[in-house]
Amino acid sequence: MSNTTRLYALSLKETRAWTFAALFIIGNIVVPQLCHAMIPHGGLIFLPIYFFTLIGAYKYGIKVGLLTAVMSPIVNSVFFDMPTLAVLPAILIKSVLLASAAALAARKTRKVSIGALIAVVLGYQVLGSGFEWALNGNLMAAVADFRLGLPGMTIQVLGGWALLKYALTK
């Protein structure tokens, strides 16, 4: 049995792109709801709204990643008020940065590696925190993911690596 992971760059003309994006958006809706319902401040700790954006962009390319990155926070905000409208722009920026970084890393490395995923997660978080600080003028709020979300970033890297490397091999 091979555990070689194929990475794709799906076109929006392909039904598979829309299907995978829809599945990842659903994941980015269900998992955050579970985190918020089961654990106080679970969203701030586990950063679940980003997980399937990382997977979608890394495995299926920028278009699937961007669909997931933009639609997940908007749908969550409209239906569950999480994220709230006040923080939605920052979440959208981080999500788009994540999708872009993940797709770029996959295209450049052509493999799934923990090092690449660490670079992706740190990259979107650092740049995203800078944008968030510029948006709201509050440095402590902008770096909250680094203060509270280290478990979530770890899950993104290790869980993302395991899912991409072993579960989504075809």
Protein backbone atom coordinates (compact mmCIF):
# COMPACT_ATOMS: atom_id res chain seq x y z
CA MET A 1 0.00 0.00 0.00
CA SER A 2 1.40 3.35 -1.02
CA ASN A 3 0.95 6.46 1.08
CA THR A 4 1.93 8.81 -1.73
CA THR A 5 -0.29 11.85 -1.64
CA ARG A 6 -1.44 13.35 -4.88
CA LEU A 7 -1.87 17.10 -4.89
CA TYR A 8 -4.19 18.79 -7.38
CA ALA A 9 -4.98 22.22 -8.77
CA LEU A 10 -8.66 21.85 -9.60
CA SER A 11 -10.41 24.29 -11.90
CA LEU A 12 -13.73 25.88 -11.02
CA LYS A 13 -15.04 24.27 -14.20
CA GLU A 14 -14.70 20.89 -12.51
CA THR A 15 -17.57 19.52 -10.47
CA ARG A 16 -15.01 17.97 -8.11
CA ALA A 17 -13.75 21.42 -7.13
CA TRP A 18 -17.22 22.55 -6.06
CA THR A 19 -17.93 19.23 -4.33
CA PHE A 20 -14.71 19.28 -2.32
CA ALA A 21 -15.16 22.96 -1.46
CA ALA A 22 -18.70 22.23 -0.23
CA LEU A 23 -17.43 19.36 1.94
CA PHE A 24 -14.66 21.48 3.41
CA ILE A 25 -17.06 24.36 4.08
CA ILE A 26 -19.38 21.94 5.90
CA GLY A 27 -16.39 20.73 7.93
CA ASN A 28 -15.50 24.34 8.75
CA ILE A 29 -19.06 24.84 9.97
CA VAL A 30 -19.56 21.64 11.97
CA VAL A 31 -16.19 21.45 13.73
CA PRO A 32 -16.28 25.05 15.04
CA GLN A 33 -19.81 24.51 16.31
CA LEU A 34 -18.67 21.41 18.18
CA CYS A 35 -15.66 23.24 19.62
CA HIS A 36 -17.79 26.16 20.79
CA ALA A 37 -20.47 23.88 22.24
CA MET A 38 -18.17 21.49 24.05
CA ILE A 39 -15.29 23.64 25.30
CA PRO A 40 -15.41 27.17 26.72
CA HIS A 41 -13.47 29.39 24.30
CA GLY A 42 -12.96 26.31 22.11
CA GLY A 43 -12.87 28.40 18.96
CA LEU A 44 -10.14 30.65 20.31
CA ILE A 45 -8.09 27.69 21.48
CA PHE A 46 -8.50 25.25 18.58
CA LEU A 47 -8.96 27.70 15.64
CA PRO A 48 -11.25 25.16 13.93
CA ILE A 49 -12.50 27.45 11.18
CA TYR A 50 -9.12 27.25 9.48
CA PHE A 51 -8.54 23.48 9.49
CA PHE A 52 -10.40 22.43 6.36
CA THR A 53 -9.27 25.54 4.51
CA LEU A 54 -5.71 24.30 5.01
CA ILE A 55 -6.62 20.81 3.82
CA GLY A 56 -8.63 21.99 0.83
CA ALA A 57 -6.04 24.45 -0.43
CA TYR A 58 -3.07 22.14 0.10
CA LYS A 59 -4.69 19.09 -1.49
CA TYR A 60 -6.90 20.61 -4.20
CA GLY A 61 -5.36 23.99 -4.95
CA ILE A 62 -5.99 27.68 -4.61
CA LYS A 63 -9.51 27.73 -6.07
CA VAL A 64 -10.91 25.12 -3.68
CA GLY A 65 -8.95 26.77 -0.89
CA LEU A 66 -10.30 30.25 -1.60
CA LEU A 67 -13.88 29.03 -1.91
CA THR A 68 -13.51 27.36 1.46
CA ALA A 69 -11.64 30.30 2.99
CA VAL A 70 -14.26 32.88 2.04
CA MET A 71 -17.48 30.92 2.38
CA SER A 72 -16.76 29.20 5.71
CA PRO A 73 -16.50 32.36 7.85
CA ILE A 74 -19.36 34.08 6.01
CA VAL A 75 -21.76 31.14 6.42
CA ASN A 76 -20.74 30.71 10.07
CA SER A 77 -21.23 34.41 10.72
CA VAL A 78 -24.62 34.61 9.00
CA PHE A 79 -26.09 31.50 10.64
CA PHE A 80 -24.30 31.35 14.00
CA ASP A 81 -22.86 34.86 14.56
CA MET A 82 -19.43 33.24 14.94
CA PRO A 83 -17.32 34.97 13.96
CA THR A 84 -19.11 38.16 14.86
CA LEU A 85 -19.27 40.90 12.25
CA ALA A 86 -16.65 42.85 14.21
CA VAL A 87 -13.99 40.18 13.70
CA LEU A 88 -15.20 38.76 10.37
CA PRO A 89 -12.82 40.88 8.25
CA ALA A 90 -9.78 39.65 10.20
CA ILE A 91 -10.94 36.03 9.98
CA LEU A 92 -11.52 36.40 6.23
CA ILE A 93 -8.06 37.89 5.73
CA LYS A 94 -6.41 35.09 7.71
CA SER A 95 -8.44 32.48 5.85
CA VAL A 96 -7.45 33.87 2.45
CA LEU A 97 -3.81 34.10 3.54
CA LEU A 98 -3.97 30.49 4.73
CA ALA A 99 -5.50 29.23 1.48
CA SER A 100 -2.93 31.15 -0.55
CA ALA A 101 0.03 29.97 1.53
CA ALA A 102 -1.14 26.34 1.59
CA ALA A 103 -1.72 26.19 -2.17
CA LEU A 104 1.63 27.86 -2.83
CA ALA A 105 3.49 25.50 -0.48
CA ALA A 106 1.88 22.45 -2.08
CA ARG A 107 2.71 23.70 -5.57
CA LYS A 108 6.32 24.52 -4.67
CA THR A 109 7.16 21.45 -2.58
CA ARG A 110 4.94 18.94 -4.43
CA LYS A 111 4.74 16.91 -1.25
CA VAL A 112 3.20 16.92 2.19
CA SER A 113 5.70 17.78 4.90
CA ILE A 114 5.48 18.98 8.46
CA GLY A 115 8.03 21.70 7.69
CA ALA A 116 5.90 23.10 4.87
CA LEU A 117 2.79 23.03 7.06
CA ILE A 118 4.60 24.79 9.90
CA ALA A 119 5.68 27.49 7.44
CA VAL A 120 2.12 27.83 6.13
CA VAL A 121 0.55 28.10 9.59
CA LEU A 122 3.14 30.50 10.95
CA GLY A 123 3.04 32.54 7.75
CA TYR A 124 -0.71 33.09 7.70
CA GLN A 125 -0.78 33.74 11.44
CA VAL A 126 2.04 36.31 11.42
CA LEU A 127 0.77 38.16 8.34
CA GLY A 128 -2.84 37.83 9.48
CA SER A 129 -2.01 39.22 12.92
CA GLY A 130 -0.39 42.21 11.25
CA PHE A 131 -3.51 42.85 9.20
CA GLU A 132 -5.71 42.34 12.25
CA TRP A 133 -3.64 44.85 14.22
CA ALA A 134 -3.95 47.36 11.36
CA LEU A 135 -7.73 46.80 11.25
CA ASN A 136 -8.50 47.11 14.94
CA GLY A 137 -5.47 48.89 16.40
CA ASN A 138 -5.27 46.39 19.26
CA LEU A 139 -2.02 44.40 19.31
CA MET A 140 -3.15 42.06 22.10
CA ALA A 141 -6.30 41.10 20.19
CA ALA A 142 -4.26 40.71 17.00
CA VAL A 143 -1.87 38.21 18.60
CA ALA A 144 -4.59 36.30 20.49
CA ASP A 145 -4.08 33.27 18.26
CA PHE A 146 -0.47 33.09 19.47
CA ARG A 147 -1.52 33.52 23.10
CA LEU A 148 -4.49 31.14 23.07
CA GLY A 149 -4.45 29.25 19.78
CA LEU A 150 -1.21 27.28 19.97
CA PRO A 151 -3.17 24.01 20.42
CA GLY A 152 -5.13 24.87 17.28
CA MET A 153 -2.02 25.68 15.29
CA THR A 154 -0.49 22.39 16.44
CA ILE A 155 -3.60 20.52 15.33
CA GLN A 156 -3.48 22.29 11.98
CA VAL A 157 0.11 21.17 11.42
CA LEU A 158 0.03 17.65 12.84
CA GLY A 159 -3.60 16.82 12.07
CA GLY A 160 -3.32 18.40 8.64
CA TRP A 161 -0.14 16.44 7.92
CA ALA A 162 -1.70 13.14 9.03
CA LEU A 163 -4.90 13.72 7.07
CA LEU A 164 -3.08 14.80 3.92
CA LYS A 165 -0.36 12.16 4.17
CA TYR A 166 -2.37 9.11 5.15
CA ALA A 167 -6.12 9.63 4.76
CA LEU A 168 -6.24 11.62 1.51
CA THR A 169 -3.60 9.74 -0.43
CA LYS A 170 -5.45 9.46 -3.76
